[in-house]
Amino acid sequence: MRVLGVDPGLTRCGLGVVDGAPGRPLALVDVEVVRTPSQLALGERLVMLAEALDAWLDQHQPDAVAVERVFSQQNVRTVMSTAQASGVAVLAAARRGLPVALHTPSEVKAAVTGNGRADKAQVGAMVARLLKLDVRPRPADASDALALAICQVWRGSAQARLDAAVAGAEWRPK
């Protein structure tokens, strides 16, 4: 399974692609942080993100996309720009008919480190270890995007099997 992880942000948007399957080694395919200049108009910045996401989807052909679920923070302005970037990622995937999973930061941390309250350094260290990298991906947006992809490889595969089992149970004649 190939997953594109997206750590949404209007100024910095982390993109990471991972190949893997539950119980099998993971492999880094690519990672990048897309930056948009703050002096540009909102629409221009969103177009830049959309174009970058489209290029990544075309280049890497993922089976699924995992996006960090936007959660409430103190700064409403930050939440809004993150939500806008998240919407661009969901739309880009949906246009291609790709499944999109939204994971909270604590779900991702728990999947990657075993601790839903892990800090950025712990997440980065585990991402490097799981992908057999010599150093942690930097900046943190890159590491977070890879952590999202890893979370989806592990949790998404299990969820897909559960969903299929439930759907199969509904079809059975009584």
Protein backbone atom coordinates (compact mmCIF):
# COMPACT_ATOMS: atom_id res chain seq x y z
CA MET A 1 0.00 0.00 0.00
CA ARG A 2 1.28 3.47 -0.87
CA VAL A 3 0.03 6.38 1.24
CA LEU A 4 0.48 10.12 0.87
CA GLY A 5 0.51 11.82 4.27
CA VAL A 6 -0.39 15.50 4.41
CA ASP A 7 0.43 17.71 7.38
CA PRO A 8 -1.71 20.66 6.29
CA GLY A 9 -0.60 24.23 6.69
CA LEU A 10 -0.88 27.36 4.64
CA THR A 11 2.69 28.53 5.23
CA ARG A 12 4.25 25.04 5.43
CA CYS A 13 2.48 21.92 4.21
CA GLY A 14 4.27 18.63 4.82
CA LEU A 15 3.96 15.90 2.19
CA GLY A 16 5.30 12.39 2.70
CA VAL A 17 4.83 9.15 0.78
CA VAL A 18 5.38 5.76 2.38
CA ASP A 19 5.05 2.22 1.02
CA GLY A 20 4.19 -0.56 3.41
CA ALA A 21 1.75 -3.03 4.88
CA PRO A 22 0.95 -4.12 8.43
CA GLY A 23 3.64 -6.50 9.64
CA ARG A 24 6.02 -5.61 6.83
CA PRO A 25 8.86 -3.09 6.66
CA LEU A 26 7.99 0.45 5.69
CA ALA A 27 9.80 2.34 2.92
CA LEU A 28 10.19 6.06 2.40
CA VAL A 29 9.27 7.08 -1.14
CA ASP A 30 9.53 10.86 -0.91
CA VAL A 31 9.11 13.77 1.49
CA GLU A 32 8.90 17.53 1.06
CA VAL A 33 7.54 20.66 2.68
CA VAL A 34 5.63 22.97 0.36
CA ARG A 35 5.91 26.61 1.37
CA THR A 36 3.71 29.49 0.31
CA PRO A 37 4.75 33.14 0.76
CA SER A 38 2.66 34.92 3.37
CA GLN A 39 2.58 38.11 1.28
CA LEU A 40 0.49 36.40 -1.43
CA ALA A 41 -3.31 36.53 -1.39
CA LEU A 42 -5.09 33.56 0.20
CA GLY A 43 -6.41 32.33 -3.14
CA GLU A 44 -2.95 32.32 -4.70
CA ARG A 45 -1.53 30.38 -1.76
CA LEU A 46 -4.30 27.78 -1.97
CA VAL A 47 -3.69 27.40 -5.72
CA MET A 48 0.02 26.82 -5.01
CA LEU A 49 -0.88 24.07 -2.52
CA ALA A 50 -3.38 22.52 -4.93
CA GLU A 51 -0.83 22.46 -7.73
CA ALA A 52 1.81 20.88 -5.48
CA LEU A 53 -0.66 18.23 -4.26
CA ASP A 54 -1.79 17.46 -7.81
CA ALA A 55 1.84 17.04 -8.89
CA TRP A 56 2.54 14.70 -5.96
CA LEU A 57 -0.58 12.64 -6.62
CA ASP A 58 0.37 12.35 -10.30
CA GLN A 59 3.99 11.49 -9.57
CA HIS A 60 3.54 9.03 -6.70
CA GLN A 61 0.15 7.46 -7.48
CA PRO A 62 -0.82 6.71 -3.84
CA ASP A 63 -3.52 4.20 -2.92
CA ALA A 64 -4.80 6.47 -0.15
CA VAL A 65 -4.27 9.89 1.39
CA ALA A 66 -4.01 10.60 5.12
CA VAL A 67 -4.58 14.16 6.32
CA GLU A 68 -4.19 15.51 9.83
CA ARG A 69 -7.60 16.29 11.29
CA VAL A 70 -7.84 19.94 12.22
CA PHE A 71 -8.45 20.41 15.92
CA SER A 72 -9.36 23.45 17.98
CA GLN A 73 -6.48 25.58 19.13
CA GLN A 74 -6.26 28.90 20.93
CA ASN A 75 -5.45 30.78 17.73
CA VAL A 76 -8.52 30.82 15.44
CA ARG A 77 -6.46 32.28 12.58
CA THR A 78 -4.11 29.29 12.67
CA VAL A 79 -7.03 26.85 12.75
CA MET A 80 -8.62 28.54 9.73
CA SER A 81 -5.50 28.43 7.57
CA THR A 82 -4.85 24.81 8.55
CA ALA A 83 -8.46 23.89 7.75
CA GLN A 84 -8.21 25.61 4.36
CA ALA A 85 -5.05 23.68 3.50
CA SER A 86 -6.66 20.47 4.73
CA GLY A 87 -9.65 21.07 2.46
CA VAL A 88 -7.38 21.49 -0.54
CA ALA A 89 -5.73 18.12 0.23
CA VAL A 90 -9.05 16.33 0.68
CA LEU A 91 -10.40 17.83 -2.55
CA ALA A 92 -7.29 16.89 -4.56
CA ALA A 93 -7.60 13.26 -3.42
CA ALA A 94 -11.38 13.13 -3.87
CA ARG A 95 -11.09 14.34 -7.46
CA ARG A 96 -9.03 11.22 -8.17
CA GLY A 97 -11.39 8.91 -6.30
CA LEU A 98 -8.76 8.17 -3.64
CA PRO A 99 -9.82 7.25 -0.13
CA VAL A 100 -9.02 9.97 2.40
CA ALA A 101 -8.49 9.30 6.09
CA LEU A 102 -8.40 12.02 8.71
CA HIS A 103 -6.30 11.29 11.79
CA THR A 104 -5.99 13.40 14.92
CA PRO A 105 -2.50 14.28 16.12
CA SER A 106 -2.92 12.01 19.16
CA GLU A 107 -3.96 9.06 16.94
CA VAL A 108 -0.86 9.55 14.80
CA LYS A 109 1.43 9.88 17.83
CA ALA A 110 -0.05 6.75 19.40
CA ALA A 111 0.32 4.77 16.16
CA VAL A 112 3.93 5.79 15.60
CA THR A 113 5.31 6.01 19.15
CA GLY A 114 2.81 4.11 21.28
CA ASN A 115 2.09 7.31 23.21
CA GLY A 116 -0.66 9.72 22.13
CA ARG A 117 1.06 12.52 24.04
CA ALA A 118 4.51 12.11 22.45
CA ASP A 119 6.37 15.29 21.55
CA LYS A 120 7.65 16.27 18.10
CA ALA A 121 11.15 14.96 18.83
CA GLN A 122 9.80 11.53 19.80
CA VAL A 123 7.63 11.35 16.69
CA GLY A 124 10.55 12.38 14.47
CA ALA A 125 12.86 9.84 16.08
CA MET A 126 10.36 7.01 15.59
CA VAL A 127 9.66 8.02 12.00
CA ALA A 128 13.40 7.89 11.30
CA ARG A 129 13.69 4.52 13.02
CA LEU A 130 10.66 2.98 11.29
CA LEU A 131 11.84 4.19 7.87
CA LYS A 132 15.47 3.27 8.60
CA LEU A 133 16.73 6.83 8.10
CA ASP A 134 20.01 8.11 9.48
CA VAL A 135 18.45 11.38 10.67
CA ARG A 136 15.01 12.67 11.54
CA PRO A 137 13.19 14.30 8.64
CA ARG A 138 13.20 18.07 9.06
CA PRO A 139 11.39 20.32 9.49
CA ALA A 140 8.78 18.81 11.78
CA ASP A 141 6.13 19.20 9.04
CA ALA A 142 8.00 16.62 6.95
CA SER A 143 8.23 14.21 9.85
CA ASP A 144 4.55 14.73 10.69
CA ALA A 145 3.50 14.01 7.09
CA LEU A 146 5.44 10.74 7.14
CA ALA A 147 3.94 9.86 10.53
CA LEU A 148 0.46 10.38 9.05
CA ALA A 149 1.29 8.07 6.15
CA ILE A 150 2.66 5.42 8.53
CA CYS A 151 -0.44 5.69 10.71
CA GLN A 152 -2.66 5.12 7.67
CA VAL A 153 -0.61 2.16 6.44
CA TRP A 154 -1.03 0.48 9.81
CA ARG A 155 -4.47 1.64 10.95
CA GLY A 156 -6.08 2.14 7.57
CA SER A 157 -5.40 -1.40 6.42
CA ALA A 158 -6.92 -2.78 9.61
CA GLN A 159 -9.92 -0.45 9.32
CA ALA A 160 -10.48 -1.47 5.69
CA ARG A 161 -10.55 -5.14 6.71
CA LEU A 162 -13.03 -4.39 9.50
CA ASP A 163 -15.23 -2.37 7.15
CA ALA A 164 -15.17 -5.20 4.59
CA ALA A 165 -16.07 -7.75 7.27
CA VAL A 166 -18.97 -5.63 8.49
CA ALA A 167 -20.18 -5.06 4.93
CA GLY A 168 -19.89 -8.78 4.24
CA ALA A 169 -21.91 -9.60 7.35
CA GLU A 170 -24.72 -7.35 6.15
CA TRP A 171 -24.98 -9.14 2.80
CA ARG A 172 -25.28 -12.65 4.19
CA PRO A 173 -28.66 -14.29 3.84
CA LYS A 174 -30.34 -15.13 7.12
